[in-house]
């Protein structure tokens, strides 16, 4: 025994269950994203670069550990 659903019922269910696209801008301008980094002081830029590198170094790990300690160490080194 097979079930048959009418086209209108299928269309209605699809419309009700379908995800709506967001109304905000989905394509970001890289200049807007980079502005805070470019305008930051050299110390802040160094912290950001070193934190990103520390995170990249831990990406291969199954369970990355001590990233918070690494970030704290980086901040202390740059500030002093």
Protein backbone atom coordinates (compact mmCIF):
# COMPACT_ATOMS: atom_id res chain seq x y z
CA UNK A 1 0.00 0.00 0.00
CA UNK A 2 1.47 3.34 -1.00
CA UNK A 3 0.37 6.76 0.09
CA UNK A 4 -0.42 9.50 -2.36
CA UNK A 5 -0.31 13.16 -1.40
CA UNK A 6 -1.66 15.88 -3.62
CA UNK A 7 0.71 18.47 -5.07
CA UNK A 8 -0.99 21.30 -3.21
CA UNK A 9 -0.56 19.52 0.13
CA UNK A 10 3.12 18.85 -0.57
CA UNK A 11 3.64 22.49 -1.60
CA UNK A 12 1.87 23.75 1.53
CA UNK A 13 3.91 21.53 3.83
CA UNK A 14 7.13 22.55 2.08
CA UNK A 15 6.31 26.24 2.47
CA UNK A 16 5.47 25.85 6.15
CA UNK A 17 8.59 23.82 6.96
CA UNK A 18 11.04 25.70 4.73
CA UNK A 19 13.64 27.91 6.33
CA UNK A 20 13.42 31.56 5.50
CA UNK A 21 16.52 33.41 4.40
CA UNK A 22 17.81 36.10 6.68
CA UNK A 23 16.94 39.66 5.83
CA UNK A 24 20.29 41.08 6.92
CA UNK A 25 23.30 41.47 4.68
CA UNK A 26 24.87 38.05 4.08
CA UNK A 27 27.84 39.21 2.03
CA UNK A 28 30.27 40.96 4.31
CA UNK A 29 32.71 43.59 3.23
CA UNK A 30 36.22 42.55 4.24
CA UNK A 31 37.19 46.18 4.83
CA UNK A 32 34.53 46.49 7.54
CA UNK A 33 35.85 43.36 9.22
CA UNK A 34 39.50 44.42 9.00
CA UNK A 35 38.98 48.02 10.19
CA UNK A 36 39.17 47.31 13.94
CA UNK A 37 42.34 45.28 13.40
CA UNK A 38 43.99 47.91 11.23
CA UNK A 39 43.11 50.72 13.64
CA UNK A 40 44.34 48.83 16.72
CA UNK A 41 47.58 49.68 18.46
CA UNK A 42 50.68 47.62 17.59
CA UNK A 43 50.43 45.80 20.93
CA UNK A 44 46.84 44.75 20.28
CA UNK A 45 47.74 43.63 16.77
CA UNK A 46 50.60 41.53 18.16
CA UNK A 47 48.26 39.94 20.73
CA UNK A 48 45.71 39.12 18.04
CA UNK A 49 48.33 37.60 15.73
CA UNK A 50 49.89 35.50 18.49
CA UNK A 51 46.52 34.29 19.81
CA UNK A 52 45.45 33.28 16.31
CA UNK A 53 48.73 31.40 15.85
CA UNK A 54 48.27 29.63 19.20
CA UNK A 55 44.76 28.60 18.18
CA UNK A 56 46.03 27.35 14.79
CA UNK A 57 48.69 25.30 16.55
CA UNK A 58 46.02 23.53 18.59
CA UNK A 59 43.63 22.81 15.71
CA UNK A 60 45.16 19.41 15.03
CA UNK A 61 44.55 18.25 18.61
CA UNK A 62 41.54 16.09 19.31
CA UNK A 63 40.97 17.87 22.62
CA UNK A 64 42.83 21.19 22.67
CA UNK A 65 43.91 22.06 26.19
CA UNK A 66 45.28 25.05 28.02
CA UNK A 67 44.42 27.58 25.30
CA UNK A 68 43.20 30.00 27.98
CA UNK A 69 46.54 29.72 29.77
CA UNK A 70 48.36 30.31 26.49
CA UNK A 71 46.28 33.41 25.76
CA UNK A 72 46.87 34.78 29.25
CA UNK A 73 50.62 34.17 28.86
CA UNK A 74 50.63 35.99 25.50
CA UNK A 75 48.81 38.99 26.95
CA UNK A 76 51.15 39.19 29.94
CA UNK A 77 54.23 39.00 27.70
CA UNK A 78 53.02 41.75 25.38
CA UNK A 79 51.86 44.06 28.17
CA UNK A 80 55.16 43.84 30.09
